[in-house]
């Protein structure tokens, strides 16, 4: 499962990260994580996380 580059900084250094409520006990899913700017995506199953990260729509700046 390939994650696209970071939509915030453009880095290709994006990985899946396990996400926990309590690191000792409660695993709740995965997040996409940019190791360069620390941006993260939503938590969920790997396939859902990949789809949301890879299909993110970037808002265009209006110059303000």
PDB file of N, CA and C in Angstrom:
ATOM      1  N   UNK A   1       0.844  -1.183   0.000  1.00  0.00           N
ATOM      2  CA  UNK A   1       0.000   0.000   0.000  1.00  0.00           C
ATOM      3  C   UNK A   1       0.888   1.244   0.000  1.00  0.00           C
ATOM      4  N   UNK A   2       0.892   1.959  -1.072  1.00  0.00           N
ATOM      5  CA  UNK A   2       1.730   3.147  -1.208  1.00  0.00           C
ATOM      6  C   UNK A   2       0.948   4.383  -0.804  1.00  0.00           C
ATOM      7  N   UNK A   3       1.593   5.207   0.002  1.00  0.00           N
ATOM      8  CA  UNK A   3       1.017   6.500   0.361  1.00  0.00           C
ATOM      9  C   UNK A   3       1.639   7.568  -0.531  1.00  0.00           C
ATOM     10  N   UNK A   4       0.817   8.481  -1.015  1.00  0.00           N
ATOM     11  CA  UNK A   4       1.323   9.595  -1.821  1.00  0.00           C
ATOM     12  C   UNK A   4       2.160  10.524  -0.962  1.00  0.00           C
ATOM     13  N   UNK A   5       2.854  11.435  -1.621  1.00  0.00           N
ATOM     14  CA  UNK A   5       3.658  12.420  -0.900  1.00  0.00           C
ATOM     15  C   UNK A   5       2.774  13.281   0.004  1.00  0.00           C
ATOM     16  N   UNK A   6       3.406  13.926   0.964  1.00  0.00           N
ATOM     17  CA  UNK A   6       2.694  14.763   1.926  1.00  0.00           C
ATOM     18  C   UNK A   6       2.060  15.957   1.216  1.00  0.00           C
ATOM     19  N   UNK A   7       0.775  16.200   1.426  1.00  0.00           N
ATOM     20  CA  UNK A   7       0.118  17.341   0.781  1.00  0.00           C
ATOM     21  C   UNK A   7       0.516  18.684   1.404  1.00  0.00           C
ATOM     22  N   UNK A   8       1.205  18.638   2.526  1.00  0.00           N
ATOM     23  CA  UNK A   8       1.589  19.870   3.203  1.00  0.00           C
ATOM     24  C   UNK A   8       3.006  20.311   2.860  1.00  0.00           C
ATOM     25  N   UNK A   9       3.960  19.358   2.867  1.00  0.00           N
ATOM     26  CA  UNK A   9       5.356  19.736   2.611  1.00  0.00           C
ATOM     27  C   UNK A   9       5.935  19.095   1.353  1.00  0.00           C
ATOM     28  N   UNK A  10       5.213  18.145   0.754  1.00  0.00           N
ATOM     29  CA  UNK A  10       5.664  17.498  -0.468  1.00  0.00           C
ATOM     30  C   UNK A  10       6.626  16.338  -0.260  1.00  0.00           C
ATOM     31  N   UNK A  11       6.942  16.006   0.973  1.00  0.00           N
ATOM     32  CA  UNK A  11       7.881  14.929   1.274  1.00  0.00           C
ATOM     33  C   UNK A  11       7.338  13.575   0.818  1.00  0.00           C
ATOM     34  N   UNK A  12       8.227  12.720   0.358  1.00  0.00           N
ATOM     35  CA  UNK A  12       7.889  11.335   0.025  1.00  0.00           C
ATOM     36  C   UNK A  12       8.059  10.431   1.242  1.00  0.00           C
ATOM     37  N   UNK A  13       8.528  10.979   2.353  1.00  0.00           N
ATOM     38  CA  UNK A  13       8.828  10.235   3.563  1.00  0.00           C
ATOM     39  C   UNK A  13       7.568  10.094   4.421  1.00  0.00           C
ATOM     40  N   UNK A  14       6.570   9.373   3.896  1.00  0.00           N
ATOM     41  CA  UNK A  14       5.278   9.190   4.556  1.00  0.00           C
ATOM     42  C   UNK A  14       5.096   7.703   4.846  1.00  0.00           C
ATOM     43  N   UNK A  15       4.726   7.380   6.061  1.00  0.00           N
ATOM     44  CA  UNK A  15       4.590   5.991   6.505  1.00  0.00           C
ATOM     45  C   UNK A  15       3.265   5.793   7.239  1.00  0.00           C
ATOM     46  N   UNK A  16       2.880   4.517   7.392  1.00  0.00           N
ATOM     47  CA  UNK A  16       1.763   4.186   8.268  1.00  0.00           C
ATOM     48  C   UNK A  16       2.281   4.148   9.694  1.00  0.00           C
ATOM     49  N   UNK A  17       1.502   4.684  10.608  1.00  0.00           N
ATOM     50  CA  UNK A  17       1.850   4.684  12.025  1.00  0.00           C
ATOM     51  C   UNK A  17       0.685   4.042  12.775  1.00  0.00           C
ATOM     52  N   UNK A  18       0.982   3.146  13.703  1.00  0.00           N
ATOM     53  CA  UNK A  18      -0.069   2.587  14.543  1.00  0.00           C
ATOM     54  C   UNK A  18      -0.526   3.647  15.523  1.00  0.00           C
ATOM     55  N   UNK A  19      -1.815   3.709  15.746  1.00  0.00           N
ATOM     56  CA  UNK A  19      -2.373   4.714  16.648  1.00  0.00           C
ATOM     57  C   UNK A  19      -3.022   4.008  17.842  1.00  0.00           C
ATOM     58  N   UNK A  20      -2.808   4.573  19.012  1.00  0.00           N
ATOM     59  CA  UNK A  20      -3.300   3.978  20.259  1.00  0.00           C
ATOM     60  C   UNK A  20      -4.056   5.019  21.080  1.00  0.00           C
ATOM     61  N   UNK A  21      -5.066   4.570  21.808  1.00  0.00           N
ATOM     62  CA  UNK A  21      -5.699   5.411  22.828  1.00  0.00           C
ATOM     63  C   UNK A  21      -4.781   5.439  24.042  1.00  0.00           C
ATOM     64  N   UNK A  22      -4.340   4.252  24.433  1.00  0.00           N
ATOM     65  CA  UNK A  22      -3.402   4.076  25.535  1.00  0.00           C
ATOM     66  C   UNK A  22      -2.322   3.139  25.010  1.00  0.00           C
ATOM     67  N   UNK A  23      -1.111   3.628  24.890  1.00  0.00           N
ATOM     68  CA  UNK A  23      -0.029   2.872  24.259  1.00  0.00           C
ATOM     69  C   UNK A  23       0.180   1.491  24.883  1.00  0.00           C
ATOM     70  N   UNK A  24      -0.190   1.320  26.126  1.00  0.00           N
ATOM     71  CA  UNK A  24       0.014   0.032  26.778  1.00  0.00           C
ATOM     72  C   UNK A  24      -1.057  -0.992  26.403  1.00  0.00           C
ATOM     73  N   UNK A  25      -2.242  -0.506  25.948  1.00  0.00           N
ATOM     74  CA  UNK A  25      -3.348  -1.448  25.797  1.00  0.00           C
ATOM     75  C   UNK A  25      -4.157  -1.301  24.505  1.00  0.00           C
ATOM     76  N   UNK A  26      -4.646  -0.131  24.206  1.00  0.00           N
ATOM     77  CA  UNK A  26      -5.724   0.031  23.246  1.00  0.00           C
ATOM     78  C   UNK A  26      -5.293   0.478  21.841  1.00  0.00           C
ATOM     79  N   UNK A  27      -5.010  -0.476  20.969  1.00  0.00           N
ATOM     80  CA  UNK A  27      -4.712  -0.182  19.572  1.00  0.00           C
ATOM     81  C   UNK A  27      -6.024   0.159  18.871  1.00  0.00           C
ATOM     82  N   UNK A  28      -6.072   1.293  18.157  1.00  0.00           N
ATOM     83  CA  UNK A  28      -7.322   1.674  17.497  1.00  0.00           C
ATOM     84  C   UNK A  28      -7.226   1.762  15.980  1.00  0.00           C
ATOM     85  N   UNK A  29      -6.036   1.699  15.406  1.00  0.00           N
ATOM     86  CA  UNK A  29      -5.938   1.739  13.955  1.00  0.00           C
ATOM     87  C   UNK A  29      -4.621   2.332  13.505  1.00  0.00           C
ATOM     88  N   UNK A  30      -4.620   2.826  12.278  1.00  0.00           N
ATOM     89  CA  UNK A  30      -3.420   3.384  11.659  1.00  0.00           C
ATOM     90  C   UNK A  30      -3.664   4.828  11.238  1.00  0.00           C
ATOM     91  N   UNK A  31      -2.575   5.568  11.067  1.00  0.00           N
ATOM     92  CA  UNK A  31      -2.605   6.915  10.513  1.00  0.00           C
ATOM     93  C   UNK A  31      -1.493   7.019   9.484  1.00  0.00           C
ATOM     94  N   UNK A  32      -1.691   7.863   8.484  1.00  0.00           N
ATOM     95  CA  UNK A  32      -0.586   8.245   7.610  1.00  0.00           C
ATOM     96  C   UNK A  32       0.176   9.331   8.358  1.00  0.00           C
ATOM     97  N   UNK A  33       1.502   9.259   8.307  1.00  0.00           N
ATOM     98  CA  UNK A  33       2.340  10.191   9.063  1.00  0.00           C
ATOM     99  C   UNK A  33       3.511  10.632   8.210  1.00  0.00           C
ATOM    100  N   UNK A  34       3.671  11.938   8.034  1.00  0.00           N
ATOM    101  CA  UNK A  34       4.823  12.498   7.334  1.00  0.00           C
ATOM    102  C   UNK A  34       5.944  12.654   8.349  1.00  0.00           C
ATOM    103  N   UNK A  35       7.050  11.969   8.113  1.00  0.00           N
ATOM    104  CA  UNK A  35       8.165  12.016   9.050  1.00  0.00           C
ATOM    105  C   UNK A  35       8.958  13.312   8.958  1.00  0.00           C
ATOM    106  N   UNK A  36       8.690  14.138   7.939  1.00  0.00           N
ATOM    107  CA  UNK A  36       9.418  15.402   7.801  1.00  0.00           C
ATOM    108  C   UNK A  36       8.706  16.576   8.468  1.00  0.00           C
ATOM    109  N   UNK A  37       7.382  16.701   8.286  1.00  0.00           N
ATOM    110  CA  UNK A  37       6.677  17.844   8.883  1.00  0.00           C
ATOM    111  C   UNK A  37       5.707  17.423   9.984  1.00  0.00           C
ATOM    112  N   UNK A  38       5.614  16.099  10.249  1.00  0.00           N
ATOM    113  CA  UNK A  38       4.745  15.532  11.290  1.00  0.00           C
ATOM    114  C   UNK A  38       3.252  15.666  11.028  1.00  0.00           C
ATOM    115  N   UNK A  39       2.857  15.910   9.789  1.00  0.00           N
ATOM    116  CA  UNK A  39       1.429  15.915   9.453  1.00  0.00           C
ATOM    117  C   UNK A  39       0.900  14.497   9.594  1.00  0.00           C
ATOM    118  N   UNK A  40      -0.339  14.359  10.044  1.00  0.00           N
ATOM    119  CA  UNK A  40      -0.978  13.054  10.160  1.00  0.00           C
ATOM    120  C   UNK A  40      -2.365  13.117   9.550  1.00  0.00           C
ATOM    121  N   UNK A  41      -2.854  11.947   9.164  1.00  0.00           N
ATOM    122  CA  UNK A  41      -4.198  11.833   8.632  1.00  0.00           C
ATOM    123  C   UNK A  41      -5.117  11.215   9.664  1.00  0.00           C
ATOM    124  N   UNK A  42      -6.340  10.889   9.242  1.00  0.00           N
ATOM    125  CA  UNK A  42      -7.307  10.295  10.163  1.00  0.00           C
ATOM    126  C   UNK A  42      -6.903   8.870  10.554  1.00  0.00           C
ATOM    127  N   UNK A  43      -7.490   8.379  11.634  1.00  0.00           N
ATOM    128  CA  UNK A  43      -7.226   7.034  12.140  1.00  0.00           C
ATOM    129  C   UNK A  43      -8.244   6.068  11.555  1.00  0.00           C
ATOM    130  N   UNK A  44      -7.776   4.888  11.154  1.00  0.00           N
ATOM    131  CA  UNK A  44      -8.687   3.872  10.638  1.00  0.00           C
ATOM    132  C   UNK A  44      -7.942   2.660  10.134  1.00  0.00           C
ATOM    133  N   UNK A  45      -8.627   1.838   9.336  1.00  0.00           N
ATOM    134  CA  UNK A  45      -7.999   0.693   8.696  1.00  0.00           C
ATOM    135  C   UNK A  45      -7.002   1.213   7.670  1.00  0.00           C
ATOM    136  N   UNK A  46      -5.958   0.429   7.384  1.00  0.00           N
ATOM    137  CA  UNK A  46      -4.927   0.873   6.447  1.00  0.00           C
ATOM    138  C   UNK A  46      -5.520   1.270   5.094  1.00  0.00           C
ATOM    139  N   UNK A  47      -6.451   0.494   4.573  1.00  0.00           N
ATOM    140  CA  UNK A  47      -7.014   0.789   3.257  1.00  0.00           C
ATOM    141  C   UNK A  47      -7.774   2.114   3.260  1.00  0.00           C
ATOM    142  N   UNK A  48      -8.498   2.400   4.332  1.00  0.00           N
ATOM    143  CA  UNK A  48      -9.244   3.656   4.434  1.00  0.00           C
ATOM    144  C   UNK A  48      -8.294   4.828   4.605  1.00  0.00           C
ATOM    145  N   UNK A  49      -7.297   4.657   5.446  1.00  0.00           N
ATOM    146  CA  UNK A  49      -6.305   5.707   5.681  1.00  0.00           C
ATOM    147  C   UNK A  49      -5.585   6.056   4.382  1.00  0.00           C
ATOM    148  N   UNK A  50      -5.169   5.025   3.640  1.00  0.00           N
ATOM    149  CA  UNK A  50      -4.478   5.248   2.364  1.00  0.00           C
ATOM    150  C   UNK A  50      -5.371   5.995   1.382  1.00  0.00           C
ATOM    151  N   UNK A  51      -6.610   5.581   1.273  1.00  0.00           N
ATOM    152  CA  UNK A  51      -7.537   6.222   0.349  1.00  0.00           C
ATOM    153  C   UNK A  51      -7.764   7.687   0.702  1.00  0.00           C
ATOM    154  N   UNK A  52      -7.972   7.980   1.972  1.00  0.00           N
ATOM    155  CA  UNK A  52      -8.202   9.369   2.395  1.00  0.00           C
ATOM    156  C   UNK A  52      -6.955  10.228   2.197  1.00  0.00           C
ATOM    157  N   UNK A  53      -5.780   9.693   2.531  1.00  0.00           N
ATOM    158  CA  UNK A  53      -4.529  10.448   2.371  1.00  0.00           C
ATOM    159  C   UNK A  53      -4.236  10.698   0.898  1.00  0.00           C
ATOM    160  N   UNK A  54      -4.364   9.658   0.082  1.00  0.00           N
ATOM    161  CA  UNK A  54      -4.001   9.762  -1.325  1.00  0.00           C
ATOM    162  C   UNK A  54      -4.990  10.570  -2.153  1.00  0.00           C
ATOM    163  N   UNK A  55      -6.210  10.722  -1.678  1.00  0.00           N
ATOM    164  CA  UNK A  55      -7.234  11.441  -2.437  1.00  0.00           C
ATOM    165  C   UNK A  55      -7.597  12.779  -1.812  1.00  0.00           C
ATOM    166  N   UNK A  56      -6.743  13.295  -0.954  1.00  0.00           N
ATOM    167  CA  UNK A  56      -6.993  14.565  -0.296  1.00  0.00           C
ATOM    168  C   UNK A  56      -7.048  15.683  -1.329  1.00  0.00           C
ATOM    169  N   UNK A  57      -8.030  16.545  -1.183  1.00  0.00           N
ATOM    170  CA  UNK A  57      -8.156  17.689  -2.076  1.00  0.00           C
ATOM    171  C   UNK A  57      -7.544  18.890  -1.383  1.00  0.00           C
ATOM    172  N   UNK A  58      -6.567  19.516  -2.040  1.00  0.00           N
ATOM    173  CA  UNK A  58      -5.914  20.692  -1.482  1.00  0.00           C
ATOM    174  C   UNK A  58      -6.709  21.928  -1.832  1.00  0.00           C
ATOM    175  N   UNK A  59      -6.917  22.790  -0.850  1.00  0.00           N
ATOM    176  CA  UNK A  59      -7.614  24.049  -1.088  1.00  0.00           C
ATOM    177  C   UNK A  59      -6.640  25.046  -1.682  1.00  0.00           C
ATOM    178  N   UNK A  60      -7.086  25.795  -2.664  1.00  0.00           N
ATOM    179  CA  UNK A  60      -6.250  26.814  -3.270  1.00  0.00           C
ATOM    180  C   UNK A  60      -6.283  28.064  -2.404  1.00  0.00           C
ATOM    181  N   UNK A  61      -5.136  28.689  -2.243  1.00  0.00           N
ATOM    182  CA  UNK A  61      -5.049  29.925  -1.481  1.00  0.00           C
ATOM    183  C   UNK A  61      -5.632  31.059  -2.305  1.00  0.00           C
ATOM    184  N   UNK A  62      -6.372  31.943  -1.630  1.00  0.00           N
ATOM    185  CA  UNK A  62      -6.936  33.093  -2.357  1.00  0.00           C
ATOM    186  C   UNK A  62      -6.024  34.318  -2.257  1.00  0.00           C
ATOM    187  N   UNK A  63      -4.795  34.099  -1.771  1.00  0.00           N
ATOM    188  CA  UNK A  63      -3.824  35.194  -1.717  1.00  0.00           C
ATOM    189  C   UNK A  63      -3.911  36.045  -0.483  1.00  0.00           C
ATOM    190  N   UNK A  64      -4.780  35.725   0.451  1.00  0.00           N
ATOM    191  CA  UNK A  64      -4.893  36.534   1.665  1.00  0.00           C
ATOM    192  C   UNK A  64      -4.104  35.938   2.789  1.00  0.00           C
TER     193      UNK A  64
END
